[in-house]
Protein backbone atom coordinates (compact mmCIF):
# COMPACT_ATOMS: atom_id res chain seq x y z
CA UNK A 1 14.35 23.19 32.34
CA UNK A 2 16.30 20.51 34.18
CA UNK A 3 18.14 21.43 37.35
CA UNK A 4 20.74 19.13 38.82
CA UNK A 5 23.41 19.36 41.49
CA UNK A 6 27.02 18.53 40.76
CA UNK A 7 28.48 16.95 43.87
CA UNK A 8 32.10 17.50 42.87
CA UNK A 9 34.24 18.40 39.89
CA UNK A 10 37.89 17.49 39.33
CA UNK A 11 39.98 19.05 36.60
CA UNK A 12 43.30 17.95 35.04
CA UNK A 13 45.04 20.33 32.68
CA UNK A 14 47.37 19.28 29.89
CA UNK A 15 49.44 21.92 28.13
CA UNK A 16 51.21 20.37 25.19
CA UNK A 17 53.02 22.39 22.60
CA UNK A 18 51.86 25.98 22.16
CA UNK A 19 48.46 25.39 20.66
CA UNK A 20 47.03 22.40 22.53
CA UNK A 21 45.49 23.15 25.91
CA UNK A 22 43.17 20.37 27.05
CA UNK A 23 41.13 20.17 30.20
CA UNK A 24 39.71 16.88 31.43
CA UNK A 25 36.83 17.21 33.83
CA UNK A 26 35.06 14.60 35.98
CA UNK A 27 31.66 15.66 37.32
CA UNK A 28 29.80 13.78 40.03
CA UNK A 29 32.41 11.02 39.82
CA UNK A 30 31.12 9.49 36.57
CA UNK A 31 30.86 12.05 33.75
CA UNK A 32 34.11 12.67 31.87
CA UNK A 33 34.54 15.62 29.52
CA UNK A 34 37.48 16.90 27.47
CA UNK A 35 37.62 20.59 26.55
CA UNK A 36 39.93 22.44 24.17
CA UNK A 37 40.65 25.65 26.08
CA UNK A 38 42.04 27.54 23.07
CA UNK A 39 38.94 26.88 20.95
CA UNK A 40 36.55 27.09 23.93
CA UNK A 41 34.85 23.87 22.87
CA UNK A 42 34.00 20.45 24.27
CA UNK A 43 35.83 17.75 22.33
CA UNK A 44 34.45 14.60 23.95
CA UNK A 45 32.21 13.38 26.74
CA UNK A 46 31.56 9.97 28.28
CA UNK A 47 29.59 8.72 31.30
CA UNK A 48 31.13 5.82 33.23
CA UNK A 49 28.96 3.14 34.83
CA UNK A 50 30.92 3.36 38.07
CA UNK A 51 32.67 6.16 39.94
CA UNK A 52 36.14 7.26 38.85
CA UNK A 53 38.67 6.96 41.70
CA UNK A 54 41.84 8.00 39.83
CA UNK A 55 42.65 9.51 36.45
CA UNK A 56 45.66 11.07 34.78
CA UNK A 57 46.90 12.29 31.40
CA UNK A 58 49.43 9.62 30.30
CA UNK A 59 50.22 11.19 26.92
CA UNK A 60 49.17 14.21 24.86
CA UNK A 61 46.11 12.32 23.61
CA UNK A 62 45.25 9.67 26.23
CA UNK A 63 43.70 9.77 29.70
CA UNK A 64 44.09 6.77 32.03
CA UNK A 65 41.05 6.16 34.23
CA UNK A 66 40.72 3.84 37.24
CA UNK A 67 37.54 2.75 38.99
CA UNK A 68 37.15 0.36 41.92
CA UNK A 69 37.12 -2.62 39.56
CA UNK A 70 38.92 -1.74 36.30
CA UNK A 71 41.49 0.40 34.47
CA UNK A 72 40.62 2.22 31.22
CA UNK A 73 42.28 4.36 28.54
CA UNK A 74 40.42 7.14 26.70
CA UNK A 75 42.01 8.42 23.52
CA UNK A 76 41.31 11.88 22.14
CA UNK A 77 41.77 10.61 18.59
CA UNK A 78 38.68 10.19 16.43
CA UNK A 79 35.44 8.88 17.88
CA UNK A 80 37.08 6.35 20.21
CA UNK A 81 35.25 5.38 23.38
CA UNK A 82 36.71 4.52 26.75
CA UNK A 83 38.53 1.16 26.41
CA UNK A 84 38.92 -1.23 29.34
CA UNK A 85 42.47 -2.50 29.83
CA UNK A 86 41.97 -4.83 32.80
CA UNK A 87 39.79 -5.78 35.75
CA UNK A 88 41.27 -5.20 39.20
């Protein structure tokens, strides 16, 4: 069994329509996860190479993510990965 310590967790909720309740979670500054609250299931997960300093839901299916050096978008559609928009 592996035991690890989570240094911090941040959660952003998105309530869109009556059936879509999403929760975005950042653990230890680098691990991003999206959960569907209604279905009690994890929809997506991604581990960043650098620490997340800011993030926000910008639409019902996209999270904007900022690190010290770049800005990214992460779409909930399909199997899309985190896409870099620009270096800072």
